[in-house]
Amino acid sequence: MAIKPNPYKLVCPKCGFSKVVAPKSDALSPKDLVAMSPVCKKCGEKMERKSVDKLESVIDSLFGMFRK
């Protein structure tokens, strides 16, 4: 039985860039592994993992539909 992991937010302490990572299931694809990369795309600094509230998760999911 698949167990969906909780979403989390990666935040760069240097430049403030952030992204929400919400894997669709516990079976990760290569695309999921790239999305989980803890390195900032803007400055290359290691990003910190933070918890996400439900509103942030819903907003990111909605915008994610339009990015594809």
C-alpha atoms as a PDB file:
ATOM      1  CA  MET A   1       0.000   0.000   0.000  1.00  0.00           C
ATOM      2  CA  ALA A   2       1.426   3.356  -1.062  1.00  0.00           C
ATOM      3  CA  ILE A   3       1.775   6.034   1.604  1.00  0.00           C
ATOM      4  CA  LYS A   4       1.956   9.591   0.308  1.00  0.00           C
ATOM      5  CA  PRO A   5       4.767  11.526   2.047  1.00  0.00           C
ATOM      6  CA  ASN A   6       3.963  14.893   3.611  1.00  0.00           C
ATOM      7  CA  PRO A   7       4.949  17.933   1.543  1.00  0.00           C
ATOM      8  CA  TYR A   8       7.802  20.107   2.755  1.00  0.00           C
ATOM      9  CA  LYS A   9       9.419  23.400   1.807  1.00  0.00           C
ATOM     10  CA  LEU A  10      13.054  23.957   0.872  1.00  0.00           C
ATOM     11  CA  VAL A  11      14.296  27.477   1.700  1.00  0.00           C
ATOM     12  CA  CYS A  12      17.648  29.020   0.791  1.00  0.00           C
ATOM     13  CA  PRO A  13      19.154  30.853   3.782  1.00  0.00           C
ATOM     14  CA  LYS A  14      21.332  33.007   1.511  1.00  0.00           C
ATOM     15  CA  CYS A  15      18.956  34.396  -1.163  1.00  0.00           C
ATOM     16  CA  GLY A  16      15.517  33.427   0.202  1.00  0.00           C
ATOM     17  CA  PHE A  17      14.473  31.281  -2.793  1.00  0.00           C
ATOM     18  CA  SER A  18      11.974  28.599  -1.778  1.00  0.00           C
ATOM     19  CA  LYS A  19      10.031  25.731  -3.294  1.00  0.00           C
ATOM     20  CA  VAL A  20       7.470  23.244  -2.019  1.00  0.00           C
ATOM     21  CA  VAL A  21       8.218  19.566  -2.625  1.00  0.00           C
ATOM     22  CA  ALA A  22       5.134  17.335  -2.624  1.00  0.00           C
ATOM     23  CA  PRO A  23       5.859  13.789  -3.847  1.00  0.00           C
ATOM     24  CA  LYS A  24       2.770  12.110  -5.337  1.00  0.00           C
ATOM     25  CA  SER A  25       3.514   8.732  -3.693  1.00  0.00           C
ATOM     26  CA  ASP A  26       6.203   6.824  -1.826  1.00  0.00           C
ATOM     27  CA  ALA A  27       7.472   5.377  -5.127  1.00  0.00           C
ATOM     28  CA  LEU A  28       9.753   8.177  -6.289  1.00  0.00           C
ATOM     29  CA  SER A  29      10.500   8.806  -9.954  1.00  0.00           C
ATOM     30  CA  PRO A  30      13.716  10.398 -11.266  1.00  0.00           C
ATOM     31  CA  LYS A  31      11.732  13.640 -11.679  1.00  0.00           C
ATOM     32  CA  ASP A  32      10.808  13.530  -7.959  1.00  0.00           C
ATOM     33  CA  LEU A  33      14.454  13.027  -6.983  1.00  0.00           C
ATOM     34  CA  VAL A  34      15.502  16.095  -9.004  1.00  0.00           C
ATOM     35  CA  ALA A  35      12.732  18.186  -7.400  1.00  0.00           C
ATOM     36  CA  MET A  36      13.986  17.135  -3.958  1.00  0.00           C
ATOM     37  CA  SER A  37      17.501  18.422  -4.641  1.00  0.00           C
ATOM     38  CA  PRO A  38      18.567  20.504  -1.615  1.00  0.00           C
ATOM     39  CA  VAL A  39      20.715  22.896  -3.681  1.00  0.00           C
ATOM     40  CA  CYS A  40      19.396  26.395  -4.544  1.00  0.00           C
ATOM     41  CA  LYS A  41      18.906  26.922  -8.287  1.00  0.00           C
ATOM     42  CA  LYS A  42      19.683  30.650  -7.960  1.00  0.00           C
ATOM     43  CA  CYS A  43      22.834  30.783  -5.851  1.00  0.00           C
ATOM     44  CA  GLY A  44      23.959  27.159  -5.343  1.00  0.00           C
ATOM     45  CA  GLU A  45      23.702  27.290  -1.538  1.00  0.00           C
ATOM     46  CA  LYS A  46      22.401  24.284   0.454  1.00  0.00           C
ATOM     47  CA  MET A  47      18.680  24.748   1.166  1.00  0.00           C
ATOM     48  CA  GLU A  48      17.028  24.119   4.542  1.00  0.00           C
ATOM     49  CA  ARG A  49      13.988  21.880   4.948  1.00  0.00           C
ATOM     50  CA  LYS A  50      10.913  23.422   6.635  1.00  0.00           C
ATOM     51  CA  SER A  51       7.433  22.118   7.327  1.00  0.00           C
ATOM     52  CA  VAL A  52       4.584  23.297   5.099  1.00  0.00           C
ATOM     53  CA  ASP A  53       1.132  24.376   6.180  1.00  0.00           C
ATOM     54  CA  LYS A  54      -1.918  23.143   4.264  1.00  0.00           C
ATOM     55  CA  LEU A  55      -2.562  26.496   2.506  1.00  0.00           C
ATOM     56  CA  GLU A  56       0.955  26.612   1.031  1.00  0.00           C
ATOM     57  CA  SER A  57       0.594  23.042  -0.165  1.00  0.00           C
ATOM     58  CA  VAL A  58      -2.749  23.738  -1.903  1.00  0.00           C
ATOM     59  CA  ILE A  59      -1.467  26.920  -3.560  1.00  0.00           C
ATOM     60  CA  ASP A  60       1.648  25.151  -4.845  1.00  0.00           C
ATOM     61  CA  SER A  61      -0.470  22.273  -6.190  1.00  0.00           C
ATOM     62  CA  LEU A  62      -2.717  24.697  -8.072  1.00  0.00           C
ATOM     63  CA  PHE A  63       0.181  26.595  -9.623  1.00  0.00           C
ATOM     64  CA  GLY A  64       1.912  23.291 -10.386  1.00  0.00           C
ATOM     65  CA  MET A  65      -0.962  22.316 -12.682  1.00  0.00           C
ATOM     66  CA  PHE A  66      -0.313  25.382 -14.836  1.00  0.00           C
ATOM     67  CA  ARG A  67       3.477  24.892 -15.012  1.00  0.00           C
ATOM     68  CA  LYS A  68       3.209  21.608 -16.927  1.00  0.00           C
END
